[in-house]
């Protein structure tokens, strides 16, 4: 299991092995590409990932017709 920290202003990424705690410094070779939702996307669902007190709310989008009928 790895954790990644991206520092695009410095063009470097840190890869941290959660088991061994080893950290690797890796040069980034591509510029920042923002994570976005394409204009033709369809909202699919919204839910929480994680457990009590340690979760994140996420949205699921796709570029296909809705999989669920509401």
Protein backbone atom coordinates (compact mmCIF):
# COMPACT_ATOMS: atom_id res chain seq x y z
CA UNK A 1 0.00 0.00 0.00
CA UNK A 2 1.49 3.33 -1.07
CA UNK A 3 0.72 6.95 -0.33
CA UNK A 4 1.57 9.54 -2.98
CA UNK A 5 2.26 13.24 -2.52
CA UNK A 6 2.39 15.30 -5.72
CA UNK A 7 4.12 18.69 -5.62
CA UNK A 8 3.64 20.08 -9.12
CA UNK A 9 5.18 23.48 -8.38
CA UNK A 10 8.42 21.65 -7.51
CA UNK A 11 7.82 18.94 -10.18
CA UNK A 12 8.40 16.14 -7.66
CA UNK A 13 6.38 13.25 -6.27
CA UNK A 14 6.96 11.33 -3.05
CA UNK A 15 5.97 7.66 -2.92
CA UNK A 16 5.64 6.37 0.64
CA UNK A 17 5.45 2.64 1.36
CA UNK A 18 2.99 2.41 4.27
CA UNK A 19 4.35 -0.96 5.39
CA UNK A 20 8.10 -0.25 5.40
CA UNK A 21 7.85 3.57 5.71
CA UNK A 22 10.37 3.90 2.85
CA UNK A 23 9.99 7.13 0.89
CA UNK A 24 11.06 7.60 -2.72
CA UNK A 25 11.45 11.01 -4.36
CA UNK A 26 10.50 10.84 -8.04
CA UNK A 27 10.73 13.63 -10.62
CA UNK A 28 7.45 14.50 -12.31
CA UNK A 29 7.80 14.61 -16.09
CA UNK A 30 4.38 16.01 -17.04
CA UNK A 31 2.69 19.27 -16.13
CA UNK A 32 -0.40 19.40 -13.89
CA UNK A 33 -3.52 18.07 -15.58
CA UNK A 34 -6.53 19.07 -13.51
CA UNK A 35 -8.92 16.32 -12.49
CA UNK A 36 -12.22 17.44 -13.93
CA UNK A 37 -15.55 16.13 -15.08
CA UNK A 38 -16.02 16.23 -18.88
CA UNK A 39 -18.95 18.31 -20.16
CA UNK A 40 -20.75 15.24 -21.58
CA UNK A 41 -20.67 13.30 -18.26
CA UNK A 42 -23.69 11.89 -16.46
CA UNK A 43 -24.04 11.95 -12.68
CA UNK A 44 -24.38 8.36 -11.42
CA UNK A 45 -24.28 8.40 -7.61
CA UNK A 46 -22.93 10.02 -4.46
CA UNK A 47 -21.71 8.08 -1.40
CA UNK A 48 -19.17 7.89 1.43
CA UNK A 49 -16.00 5.77 1.42
CA UNK A 50 -14.40 4.90 4.77
CA UNK A 51 -15.64 4.38 8.27
CA UNK A 52 -17.08 6.44 11.12
CA UNK A 53 -15.03 9.56 11.69
CA UNK A 54 -12.65 8.72 8.82
CA UNK A 55 -14.48 8.96 5.50
CA UNK A 56 -14.70 11.00 2.35
CA UNK A 57 -17.75 11.88 0.30
CA UNK A 58 -17.40 11.07 -3.41
CA UNK A 59 -19.42 11.48 -6.56
CA UNK A 60 -19.47 8.99 -9.41
CA UNK A 61 -19.71 10.33 -12.97
CA UNK A 62 -19.63 8.50 -16.29
CA UNK A 63 -19.67 9.24 -19.99
CA UNK A 64 -22.47 6.73 -20.61
CA UNK A 65 -26.22 6.78 -20.22
CA UNK A 66 -27.41 6.56 -16.61
CA UNK A 67 -27.07 3.03 -15.25
CA UNK A 68 -29.82 3.58 -12.71
CA UNK A 69 -33.31 4.87 -13.28
CA UNK A 70 -34.56 7.19 -10.54
